[in-house]
Structures are given as structure tokens and as C-alpha cells.
PDB file of N, CA and C in Angstrom:
ATOM      1  N   MET A   1     -11.583   7.314 -67.891  1.00  0.00           N
ATOM      2  CA  MET A   1     -11.345   6.592 -66.822  1.00  0.00           C
ATOM      3  C   MET A   1     -11.982   7.188 -65.696  1.00  0.00           C
ATOM      4  N   LYS A   2     -11.776   8.461 -65.419  1.00  0.00           N
ATOM      5  CA  LYS A   2     -12.169   9.246 -64.312  1.00  0.00           C
ATOM      6  C   LYS A   2     -13.625   9.057 -64.227  1.00  0.00           C
ATOM      7  N   LYS A   3     -14.449   9.507 -65.239  1.00  0.00           N
ATOM      8  CA  LYS A   3     -15.889   9.375 -65.338  1.00  0.00           C
ATOM      9  C   LYS A   3     -16.464   7.983 -65.138  1.00  0.00           C
ATOM     10  N   LEU A   4     -15.776   6.914 -65.566  1.00  0.00           N
ATOM     11  CA  LEU A   4     -16.200   5.672 -65.576  1.00  0.00           C
ATOM     12  C   LEU A   4     -16.290   5.283 -63.821  1.00  0.00           C
ATOM     13  N   LEU A   5     -15.204   5.479 -63.342  1.00  0.00           N
ATOM     14  CA  LEU A   5     -14.970   5.297 -61.835  1.00  0.00           C
ATOM     15  C   LEU A   5     -15.931   5.969 -60.980  1.00  0.00           C
ATOM     16  N   LYS A   6     -16.275   7.140 -61.385  1.00  0.00           N
ATOM     17  CA  LYS A   6     -17.180   8.025 -60.479  1.00  0.00           C
ATOM     18  C   LYS A   6     -18.530   7.515 -60.623  1.00  0.00           C
ATOM     19  N   GLU A   7     -19.005   7.256 -61.856  1.00  0.00           N
ATOM     20  CA  GLU A   7     -20.349   6.661 -62.137  1.00  0.00           C
ATOM     21  C   GLU A   7     -20.426   5.392 -61.503  1.00  0.00           C
ATOM     22  N   LEU A   8     -19.448   4.228 -61.620  1.00  0.00           N
ATOM     23  CA  LEU A   8     -19.668   3.107 -60.792  1.00  0.00           C
ATOM     24  C   LEU A   8     -19.814   3.390 -59.364  1.00  0.00           C
ATOM     25  N   ALA A   9     -18.856   4.227 -58.712  1.00  0.00           N
ATOM     26  CA  ALA A   9     -19.006   4.388 -57.350  1.00  0.00           C
ATOM     27  C   ALA A   9     -20.225   4.886 -56.840  1.00  0.00           C
ATOM     28  N   GLN A  10     -20.632   6.106 -57.632  1.00  0.00           N
ATOM     29  CA  GLN A  10     -21.939   6.637 -57.312  1.00  0.00           C
ATOM     30  C   GLN A  10     -22.983   5.825 -57.292  1.00  0.00           C
ATOM     31  N   SER A  11     -23.031   4.714 -58.155  1.00  0.00           N
ATOM     32  CA  SER A  11     -24.035   3.729 -58.288  1.00  0.00           C
ATOM     33  C   SER A  11     -24.246   2.817 -57.010  1.00  0.00           C
ATOM     34  N   LEU A  12     -23.100   2.768 -56.233  1.00  0.00           N
ATOM     35  CA  LEU A  12     -22.878   1.778 -55.272  1.00  0.00           C
ATOM     36  C   LEU A  12     -23.033   2.193 -53.948  1.00  0.00           C
ATOM     37  N   VAL A  13     -23.114   3.670 -53.834  1.00  0.00           N
ATOM     38  CA  VAL A  13     -23.060   4.258 -52.382  1.00  0.00           C
ATOM     39  C   VAL A  13     -24.671   4.952 -52.172  1.00  0.00           C
ATOM     40  N   GLU A  14     -24.627   5.199 -50.808  1.00  0.00           N
ATOM     41  CA  GLU A  14     -25.857   5.729 -50.174  1.00  0.00           C
ATOM     42  C   GLU A  14     -25.829   7.358 -50.311  1.00  0.00           C
ATOM     43  N   HIS A  15     -24.446   7.890 -50.533  1.00  0.00           N
ATOM     44  CA  HIS A  15     -24.313   9.349 -50.656  1.00  0.00           C
ATOM     45  C   HIS A  15     -23.573   9.811 -52.042  1.00  0.00           C
ATOM     46  N   PRO A  16     -24.090   9.593 -53.061  1.00  0.00           N
ATOM     47  CA  PRO A  16     -23.440   9.703 -54.348  1.00  0.00           C
ATOM     48  C   PRO A  16     -22.954  11.162 -54.500  1.00  0.00           C
ATOM     49  N   ASP A  17     -23.487  12.131 -54.202  1.00  0.00           N
ATOM     50  CA  ASP A  17     -22.993  13.393 -54.273  1.00  0.00           C
ATOM     51  C   ASP A  17     -21.569  13.527 -53.506  1.00  0.00           C
ATOM     52  N   ASP A  18     -21.101  12.695 -52.689  1.00  0.00           N
ATOM     53  CA  ASP A  18     -19.930  12.652 -52.008  1.00  0.00           C
ATOM     54  C   ASP A  18     -18.964  11.845 -52.504  1.00  0.00           C
ATOM     55  N   ALA A  19     -19.284  11.204 -53.705  1.00  0.00           N
ATOM     56  CA  ALA A  19     -18.334  10.415 -54.346  1.00  0.00           C
ATOM     57  C   ALA A  19     -17.098  11.334 -55.202  1.00  0.00           C
ATOM     58  N   ALA A  20     -15.845  11.283 -55.238  1.00  0.00           N
ATOM     59  CA  ALA A  20     -15.118  12.222 -55.892  1.00  0.00           C
ATOM     60  C   ALA A  20     -13.944  11.334 -56.472  1.00  0.00           C
ATOM     61  N   VAL A  21     -13.433  11.724 -57.541  1.00  0.00           N
ATOM     62  CA  VAL A  21     -12.160  11.115 -57.993  1.00  0.00           C
ATOM     63  C   VAL A  21     -11.294  12.098 -58.578  1.00  0.00           C
ATOM     64  N   GLU A  22     -10.188  11.901 -57.983  1.00  0.00           N
ATOM     65  CA  GLU A  22      -8.970  12.781 -58.513  1.00  0.00           C
ATOM     66  C   GLU A  22      -8.012  11.882 -59.162  1.00  0.00           C
ATOM     67  N   GLU A  23      -7.276  12.562 -60.388  1.00  0.00           N
ATOM     68  CA  GLU A  23      -6.756  12.028 -61.453  1.00  0.00           C
ATOM     69  C   GLU A  23      -5.409  12.545 -61.480  1.00  0.00           C
ATOM     70  N   GLU A  24      -4.174  11.678 -61.352  1.00  0.00           N
ATOM     71  CA  GLU A  24      -2.752  12.107 -61.519  1.00  0.00           C
ATOM     72  C   GLU A  24      -2.157  11.210 -62.464  1.00  0.00           C
ATOM     73  N   VAL A  25      -1.110  11.580 -63.068  1.00  0.00           N
ATOM     74  CA  VAL A  25      -0.387  10.808 -63.987  1.00  0.00           C
ATOM     75  C   VAL A  25       1.188  10.843 -63.241  1.00  0.00           C
ATOM     76  N   ASP A  26       1.754   9.545 -63.087  1.00  0.00           N
ATOM     77  CA  ASP A  26       2.945   9.574 -62.286  1.00  0.00           C
ATOM     78  C   ASP A  26       3.987   9.621 -63.314  1.00  0.00           C
ATOM     79  N   GLU A  27       5.407   9.612 -62.974  1.00  0.00           N
ATOM     80  CA  GLU A  27       6.511   9.733 -63.972  1.00  0.00           C
ATOM     81  C   GLU A  27       6.612   8.437 -64.988  1.00  0.00           C
ATOM     82  N   SER A  28       6.089   7.364 -64.635  1.00  0.00           N
ATOM     83  CA  SER A  28       6.095   6.289 -65.423  1.00  0.00           C
ATOM     84  C   SER A  28       4.918   6.317 -66.502  1.00  0.00           C
ATOM     85  N   GLY A  29       4.148   7.269 -66.375  1.00  0.00           N
ATOM     86  CA  GLY A  29       2.973   7.300 -67.158  1.00  0.00           C
ATOM     87  C   GLY A  29       1.638   6.480 -66.644  1.00  0.00           C
ATOM     88  N   MET A  30       1.662   6.040 -65.658  1.00  0.00           N
ATOM     89  CA  MET A  30       0.557   5.366 -65.031  1.00  0.00           C
ATOM     90  C   MET A  30      -0.493   6.252 -64.491  1.00  0.00           C
ATOM     91  N   LEU A  31      -1.584   6.098 -64.849  1.00  0.00           N
ATOM     92  CA  LEU A  31      -2.671   7.059 -64.387  1.00  0.00           C
ATOM     93  C   LEU A  31      -3.260   6.529 -63.011  1.00  0.00           C
ATOM     94  N   MET A  32      -3.322   7.357 -62.120  1.00  0.00           N
ATOM     95  CA  MET A  32      -3.423   7.159 -60.670  1.00  0.00           C
ATOM     96  C   MET A  32      -4.932   7.897 -60.415  1.00  0.00           C
ATOM     97  N   LEU A  33      -5.914   7.063 -60.089  1.00  0.00           N
ATOM     98  CA  LEU A  33      -7.392   7.565 -59.756  1.00  0.00           C
ATOM     99  C   LEU A  33      -7.483   7.227 -58.209  1.00  0.00           C
ATOM    100  N   LYS A  34      -7.706   8.380 -57.480  1.00  0.00           N
ATOM    101  CA  LYS A  34      -7.958   8.429 -56.188  1.00  0.00           C
ATOM    102  C   LYS A  34      -9.451   8.416 -55.830  1.00  0.00           C
ATOM    103  N   LEU A  35     -10.180   7.654 -55.388  1.00  0.00           N
ATOM    104  CA  LEU A  35     -11.471   7.648 -55.052  1.00  0.00           C
ATOM    105  C   LEU A  35     -11.920   7.962 -53.660  1.00  0.00           C
ATOM    106  N   LYS A  36     -12.655   9.116 -53.350  1.00  0.00           N
ATOM    107  CA  LYS A  36     -13.035   9.451 -51.994  1.00  0.00           C
ATOM    108  C   LYS A  36     -14.624   9.329 -52.068  1.00  0.00           C
ATOM    109  N   VAL A  37     -15.018   8.768 -50.996  1.00  0.00           N
ATOM    110  CA  VAL A  37     -16.483   8.556 -50.811  1.00  0.00           C
ATOM    111  C   VAL A  37     -16.852   9.050 -49.374  1.00  0.00           C
ATOM    112  N   HIS A  38     -17.963   9.197 -48.880  1.00  0.00           N
ATOM    113  CA  HIS A  38     -18.477   9.488 -47.577  1.00  0.00           C
ATOM    114  C   HIS A  38     -18.206   8.437 -46.702  1.00  0.00           C
ATOM    115  N   PRO A  39     -17.664   8.711 -45.465  1.00  0.00           N
ATOM    116  CA  PRO A  39     -17.117   7.685 -44.609  1.00  0.00           C
ATOM    117  C   PRO A  39     -18.206   6.429 -44.358  1.00  0.00           C
ATOM    118  N   GLU A  40     -19.154   6.698 -44.504  1.00  0.00           N
ATOM    119  CA  GLU A  40     -20.317   5.756 -44.248  1.00  0.00           C
ATOM    120  C   GLU A  40     -20.350   4.828 -45.358  1.00  0.00           C
ATOM    121  N   ASP A  41     -20.013   5.153 -46.577  1.00  0.00           N
ATOM    122  CA  ASP A  41     -20.016   4.336 -47.622  1.00  0.00           C
ATOM    123  C   ASP A  41     -18.575   3.411 -47.797  1.00  0.00           C
ATOM    124  N   MET A  42     -17.643   3.850 -47.028  1.00  0.00           N
ATOM    125  CA  MET A  42     -16.516   2.873 -47.113  1.00  0.00           C
ATOM    126  C   MET A  42     -16.720   1.301 -47.386  1.00  0.00           C
ATOM    127  N   GLY A  43     -17.664   0.897 -46.553  1.00  0.00           N
ATOM    128  CA  GLY A  43     -17.706  -0.666 -46.470  1.00  0.00           C
ATOM    129  C   GLY A  43     -18.473  -0.911 -47.779  1.00  0.00           C
ATOM    130  N   ARG A  44     -19.243  -0.126 -48.338  1.00  0.00           N
ATOM    131  CA  ARG A  44     -19.990  -0.437 -49.579  1.00  0.00           C
ATOM    132  C   ARG A  44     -18.906  -0.685 -50.699  1.00  0.00           C
ATOM    133  N   ILE A  45     -17.956   0.366 -50.585  1.00  0.00           N
ATOM    134  CA  ILE A  45     -17.014   0.223 -51.726  1.00  0.00           C
ATOM    135  C   ILE A  45     -16.219  -0.809 -51.636  1.00  0.00           C
ATOM    136  N   ILE A  46     -15.726  -1.114 -50.605  1.00  0.00           N
ATOM    137  CA  ILE A  46     -14.731  -2.132 -50.028  1.00  0.00           C
ATOM    138  C   ILE A  46     -15.432  -3.669 -50.364  1.00  0.00           C
ATOM    139  N   GLY A  47     -16.527  -3.783 -49.951  1.00  0.00           N
ATOM    140  CA  GLY A  47     -17.173  -5.135 -49.944  1.00  0.00           C
ATOM    141  C   GLY A  47     -16.691  -6.016 -49.167  1.00  0.00           C
ATOM    142  N   LYS A  48     -17.377  -7.311 -48.995  1.00  0.00           N
ATOM    143  CA  LYS A  48     -16.810  -8.419 -48.261  1.00  0.00           C
ATOM    144  C   LYS A  48     -15.595  -8.878 -48.825  1.00  0.00           C
ATOM    145  N   GLU A  49     -14.645  -8.777 -47.947  1.00  0.00           N
ATOM    146  CA  GLU A  49     -13.332  -9.197 -48.215  1.00  0.00           C
ATOM    147  C   GLU A  49     -12.578  -8.497 -49.438  1.00  0.00           C
ATOM    148  N   GLY A  50     -13.102  -7.415 -49.620  1.00  0.00           N
ATOM    149  CA  GLY A  50     -12.384  -6.483 -50.664  1.00  0.00           C
ATOM    150  C   GLY A  50     -12.852  -6.891 -52.266  1.00  0.00           C
ATOM    151  N   LYS A  51     -13.967  -7.479 -52.427  1.00  0.00           N
ATOM    152  CA  LYS A  51     -14.304  -8.009 -53.563  1.00  0.00           C
ATOM    153  C   LYS A  51     -14.813  -6.924 -54.357  1.00  0.00           C
ATOM    154  N   ILE A  52     -15.546  -5.853 -53.748  1.00  0.00           N
ATOM    155  CA  ILE A  52     -16.195  -4.861 -54.727  1.00  0.00           C
ATOM    156  C   ILE A  52     -14.921  -3.939 -55.169  1.00  0.00           C
ATOM    157  N   ILE A  53     -14.113  -3.518 -54.349  1.00  0.00           N
ATOM    158  CA  ILE A  53     -12.918  -2.538 -54.815  1.00  0.00           C
ATOM    159  C   ILE A  53     -12.046  -3.339 -55.890  1.00  0.00           C
ATOM    160  N   GLN A  54     -11.949  -4.620 -55.524  1.00  0.00           N
ATOM    161  CA  GLN A  54     -11.262  -5.399 -56.509  1.00  0.00           C
ATOM    162  C   GLN A  54     -11.842  -5.559 -57.733  1.00  0.00           C
ATOM    163  N   ALA A  55     -12.976  -5.502 -57.912  1.00  0.00           N
ATOM    164  CA  ALA A  55     -14.118  -5.747 -59.118  1.00  0.00           C
ATOM    165  C   ALA A  55     -13.772  -4.303 -59.762  1.00  0.00           C
ATOM    166  N   LEU A  56     -13.877  -3.353 -59.148  1.00  0.00           N
ATOM    167  CA  LEU A  56     -13.854  -2.006 -59.756  1.00  0.00           C
ATOM    168  C   LEU A  56     -12.294  -1.683 -60.562  1.00  0.00           C
ATOM    169  N   ARG A  57     -11.464  -2.352 -59.521  1.00  0.00           N
ATOM    170  CA  ARG A  57      -9.903  -2.159 -60.068  1.00  0.00           C
ATOM    171  C   ARG A  57      -9.775  -2.978 -61.406  1.00  0.00           C
ATOM    172  N   THR A  58     -10.441  -4.273 -61.394  1.00  0.00           N
ATOM    173  CA  THR A  58     -10.327  -4.986 -62.680  1.00  0.00           C
ATOM    174  C   THR A  58     -11.004  -4.251 -63.626  1.00  0.00           C
ATOM    175  N   LEU A  59     -12.024  -3.945 -63.730  1.00  0.00           N
ATOM    176  CA  LEU A  59     -12.918  -3.266 -64.640  1.00  0.00           C
ATOM    177  C   LEU A  59     -12.168  -2.043 -65.254  1.00  0.00           C
ATOM    178  N   LEU A  60     -11.481  -1.166 -64.469  1.00  0.00           N
ATOM    179  CA  LEU A  60     -10.809   0.073 -64.874  1.00  0.00           C
ATOM    180  C   LEU A  60      -9.494  -0.367 -65.498  1.00  0.00           C
ATOM    181  N   ARG A  61      -8.868  -1.505 -65.141  1.00  0.00           N
ATOM    182  CA  ARG A  61      -7.516  -2.039 -65.704  1.00  0.00           C
ATOM    183  C   ARG A  61      -7.972  -2.468 -66.891  1.00  0.00           C
ATOM    184  N   VAL A  62      -8.933  -3.238 -67.372  1.00  0.00           N
ATOM    185  CA  VAL A  62      -9.393  -3.805 -68.641  1.00  0.00           C
ATOM    186  C   VAL A  62      -9.579  -2.672 -69.530  1.00  0.00           C
ATOM    187  N   SER A  63     -10.484  -1.586 -69.071  1.00  0.00           N
ATOM    188  CA  SER A  63     -10.619  -0.578 -69.942  1.00  0.00           C
ATOM    189  C   SER A  63      -9.585   0.107 -70.341  1.00  0.00           C
ATOM    190  N   ALA A  64      -8.485   0.352 -69.404  1.00  0.00           N
ATOM    191  CA  ALA A  64      -7.312   1.038 -69.712  1.00  0.00           C
ATOM    192  C   ALA A  64      -6.521   0.436 -70.746  1.00  0.00           C
ATOM    193  N   LEU A  65      -6.357  -0.898 -70.518  1.00  0.00           N
ATOM    194  CA  LEU A  65      -5.470  -1.838 -71.494  1.00  0.00           C
ATOM    195  C   LEU A  65      -6.124  -1.749 -73.000  1.00  0.00           C
ATOM    196  N   LYS A  66      -7.399  -1.547 -72.889  1.00  0.00           N
ATOM    197  CA  LYS A  66      -8.021  -1.358 -74.340  1.00  0.00           C
ATOM    198  C   LYS A  66      -7.542  -0.146 -74.932  1.00  0.00           C
ATOM    199  N   GLN A  67      -7.303   0.739 -74.247  1.00  0.00           N
ATOM    200  CA  GLN A  67      -6.792   2.235 -74.562  1.00  0.00           C
ATOM    201  C   GLN A  67      -5.498   2.192 -74.663  1.00  0.00           C
ATOM    202  N   GLY A  68      -4.470   1.221 -74.341  1.00  0.00           N
ATOM    203  CA  GLY A  68      -3.139   1.223 -74.186  1.00  0.00           C
ATOM    204  C   GLY A  68      -2.544   1.987 -73.158  1.00  0.00           C
ATOM    205  N   LYS A  69      -3.170   2.046 -71.934  1.00  0.00           N
ATOM    206  CA  LYS A  69      -2.847   2.677 -70.898  1.00  0.00           C
ATOM    207  C   LYS A  69      -2.796   1.828 -69.556  1.00  0.00           C
ATOM    208  N   ARG A  70      -2.298   2.274 -68.613  1.00  0.00           N
ATOM    209  CA  ARG A  70      -2.201   1.554 -67.336  1.00  0.00           C
ATOM    210  C   ARG A  70      -2.911   2.462 -66.013  1.00  0.00           C
ATOM    211  N   VAL A  71      -3.401   1.660 -65.299  1.00  0.00           N
ATOM    212  CA  VAL A  71      -4.430   2.463 -64.153  1.00  0.00           C
ATOM    213  C   VAL A  71      -4.120   1.943 -62.845  1.00  0.00           C
ATOM    214  N   HIS A  72      -4.136   2.761 -61.948  1.00  0.00           N
ATOM    215  CA  HIS A  72      -4.135   2.166 -60.537  1.00  0.00           C
ATOM    216  C   HIS A  72      -5.245   3.098 -59.631  1.00  0.00           C
ATOM    217  N   VAL A  73      -6.158   2.281 -59.162  1.00  0.00           N
ATOM    218  CA  VAL A  73      -7.047   2.822 -58.280  1.00  0.00           C
ATOM    219  C   VAL A  73      -6.850   2.641 -56.872  1.00  0.00           C
ATOM    220  N   GLU A  74      -6.879   3.939 -56.183  1.00  0.00           N
ATOM    221  CA  GLU A  74      -6.550   3.898 -54.764  1.00  0.00           C
ATOM    222  C   GLU A  74      -7.903   4.426 -54.067  1.00  0.00           C
ATOM    223  N   LEU A  75      -8.417   3.712 -52.937  1.00  0.00           N
ATOM    224  CA  LEU A  75      -9.490   4.443 -52.209  1.00  0.00           C
ATOM    225  C   LEU A  75      -8.892   5.217 -51.094  1.00  0.00           C
ATOM    226  N   ILE A  76      -9.325   6.456 -51.034  1.00  0.00           N
ATOM    227  CA  ILE A  76      -9.008   7.317 -49.962  1.00  0.00           C
ATOM    228  C   ILE A  76      -9.812   7.484 -49.061  1.00  0.00           C
ATOM    229  N   GLU A  77      -9.599   7.374 -47.631  1.00  0.00           N
ATOM    230  CA  GLU A  77     -10.357   7.457 -46.581  1.00  0.00           C
ATOM    231  C   GLU A  77     -10.705   8.998 -46.351  1.00  0.00           C
ATOM    232  N   SER A  78     -11.979   9.430 -46.430  1.00  0.00           N
ATOM    233  CA  SER A  78     -12.436  10.838 -46.302  1.00  0.00           C
ATOM    234  C   SER A  78     -12.113  11.337 -44.745  1.00  0.00           C
ATOM    235  N   GLN A  79     -11.735  12.414 -44.509  1.00  0.00           N
ATOM    236  CA  GLN A  79     -11.771  12.995 -43.327  1.00  0.00           C
ATOM    237  C   GLN A  79     -13.103  13.731 -43.031  1.00  0.00           C
ATOM    238  N   LEU A  80     -13.300  14.047 -41.734  1.00  0.00           N
ATOM    239  CA  LEU A  80     -14.605  14.491 -41.120  1.00  0.00           C
ATOM    240  C   LEU A  80     -14.487  16.037 -41.424  1.00  0.00           C
ATOM    241  N   GLN A  81     -15.628  16.521 -41.767  1.00  0.00           N
ATOM    242  CA  GLN A  81     -15.779  18.054 -42.039  1.00  0.00           C
ATOM    243  C   GLN A  81     -15.542  18.842 -40.748  1.00  0.00           C
ATOM    244  N   THR A  82     -14.837  20.070 -40.774  1.00  0.00           N
ATOM    245  CA  THR A  82     -14.785  20.894 -39.698  1.00  0.00           C
ATOM    246  C   THR A  82     -15.885  21.068 -38.821  1.00  0.00           C
ATOM    247  N   GLY A  83     -15.983  20.876 -37.579  1.00  0.00           N
ATOM    248  CA  GLY A  83     -17.167  20.940 -36.965  1.00  0.00           C
ATOM    249  C   GLY A  83     -18.057  19.786 -36.514  1.00  0.00           C
ATOM    250  N   GLU A  84     -17.706  18.649 -37.474  1.00  0.00           N
ATOM    251  CA  GLU A  84     -18.375  17.397 -37.118  1.00  0.00           C
ATOM    252  C   GLU A  84     -17.595  16.709 -35.822  1.00  0.00           C
ATOM    253  N   THR A  85     -18.568  15.833 -35.178  1.00  0.00           N
ATOM    254  CA  THR A  85     -17.969  15.180 -34.220  1.00  0.00           C
ATOM    255  C   THR A  85     -17.601  13.539 -34.700  1.00  0.00           C
ATOM    256  N   PRO A  86     -16.527  12.963 -34.268  1.00  0.00           N
ATOM    257  CA  PRO A  86     -16.447  11.548 -34.706  1.00  0.00           C
ATOM    258  C   PRO A  86     -17.609  10.833 -33.929  1.00  0.00           C
ATOM    259  N   PRO A  87     -17.679   9.647 -34.683  1.00  0.00           N
ATOM    260  CA  PRO A  87     -18.795   8.812 -34.183  1.00  0.00           C
ATOM    261  C   PRO A  87     -18.248   8.010 -32.936  1.00  0.00           C
ATOM    262  N   PRO A  88     -18.982   7.722 -31.876  1.00  0.00           N
ATOM    263  CA  PRO A  88     -18.683   7.344 -30.729  1.00  0.00           C
ATOM    264  C   PRO A  88     -18.030   5.826 -30.881  1.00  0.00           C
ATOM    265  N   LEU A  89     -17.187   5.435 -29.981  1.00  0.00           N
ATOM    266  CA  LEU A  89     -16.440   4.171 -30.123  1.00  0.00           C
ATOM    267  C   LEU A  89     -17.251   3.393 -29.272  1.00  0.00           C
ATOM    268  N   SER A  90     -17.482   2.027 -29.780  1.00  0.00           N
ATOM    269  CA  SER A  90     -18.295   1.005 -28.885  1.00  0.00           C
ATOM    270  C   SER A  90     -17.256   0.317 -28.027  1.00  0.00           C
ATOM    271  N   GLU A  91     -17.536   0.246 -26.650  1.00  0.00           N
ATOM    272  CA  GLU A  91     -16.673  -0.483 -25.710  1.00  0.00           C
ATOM    273  C   GLU A  91     -17.207  -1.679 -25.486  1.00  0.00           C
ATOM    274  N   THR A  92     -16.330  -2.871 -25.549  1.00  0.00           N
ATOM    275  CA  THR A  92     -16.715  -4.130 -25.307  1.00  0.00           C
ATOM    276  C   THR A  92     -15.687  -4.527 -24.118  1.00  0.00           C
ATOM    277  N   ASN A  93     -16.416  -4.616 -22.951  1.00  0.00           N
ATOM    278  CA  ASN A  93     -15.640  -5.279 -21.937  1.00  0.00           C
ATOM    279  C   ASN A  93     -16.443  -6.271 -21.122  1.00  0.00           C
TER     280      ASN A  93
END
């Protein structure tokens, strides 16, 4: 599952080397996949009205069901690296 999500995410983003997936299993046995991408790629993963991330979740859910598992995909916002400055906020007055 982890490999599938990472490959799908890397094919969608501008910074494929920054895509990472963490895998955890909770007490109920559900597989939790946490996807982290470069901050500039968040929009590409989310898509218009969240359609891309929903499609990724659906694909992984179907793949998990075929294996008799349950999966939850979470998109984690990446933090800026130390020393980087945040992008300027645009003011609209």
C-alpha cells in the first residue's frame, strides 16, 4: 500500500523526491498512511474540490479491500525546513 501511494503521488507532483509516506497500524488494525509532499505540491495532490486526494483514497481503499485490509490516507502539510523563509502573504486592500 505504502509503495502504491508513493508512486501515485510522485507521478502527480513537481517535486517527486519530496514525496514521503509514513505507515502506522492503529489498535483496530486499520492501516494509516500519512502522505507528505512539498508545500508547493499540496494543490496538485488535493486537486479541484479535493477530487485528486479522494481518488487516491478510493484507489487505496479498493486495493486494501482486495487484501482483506482497511486503510485510511491522510495528507500531512509539510513544514518549512530550518533557515527557509515563509512565502510572502499577499495583501488585498
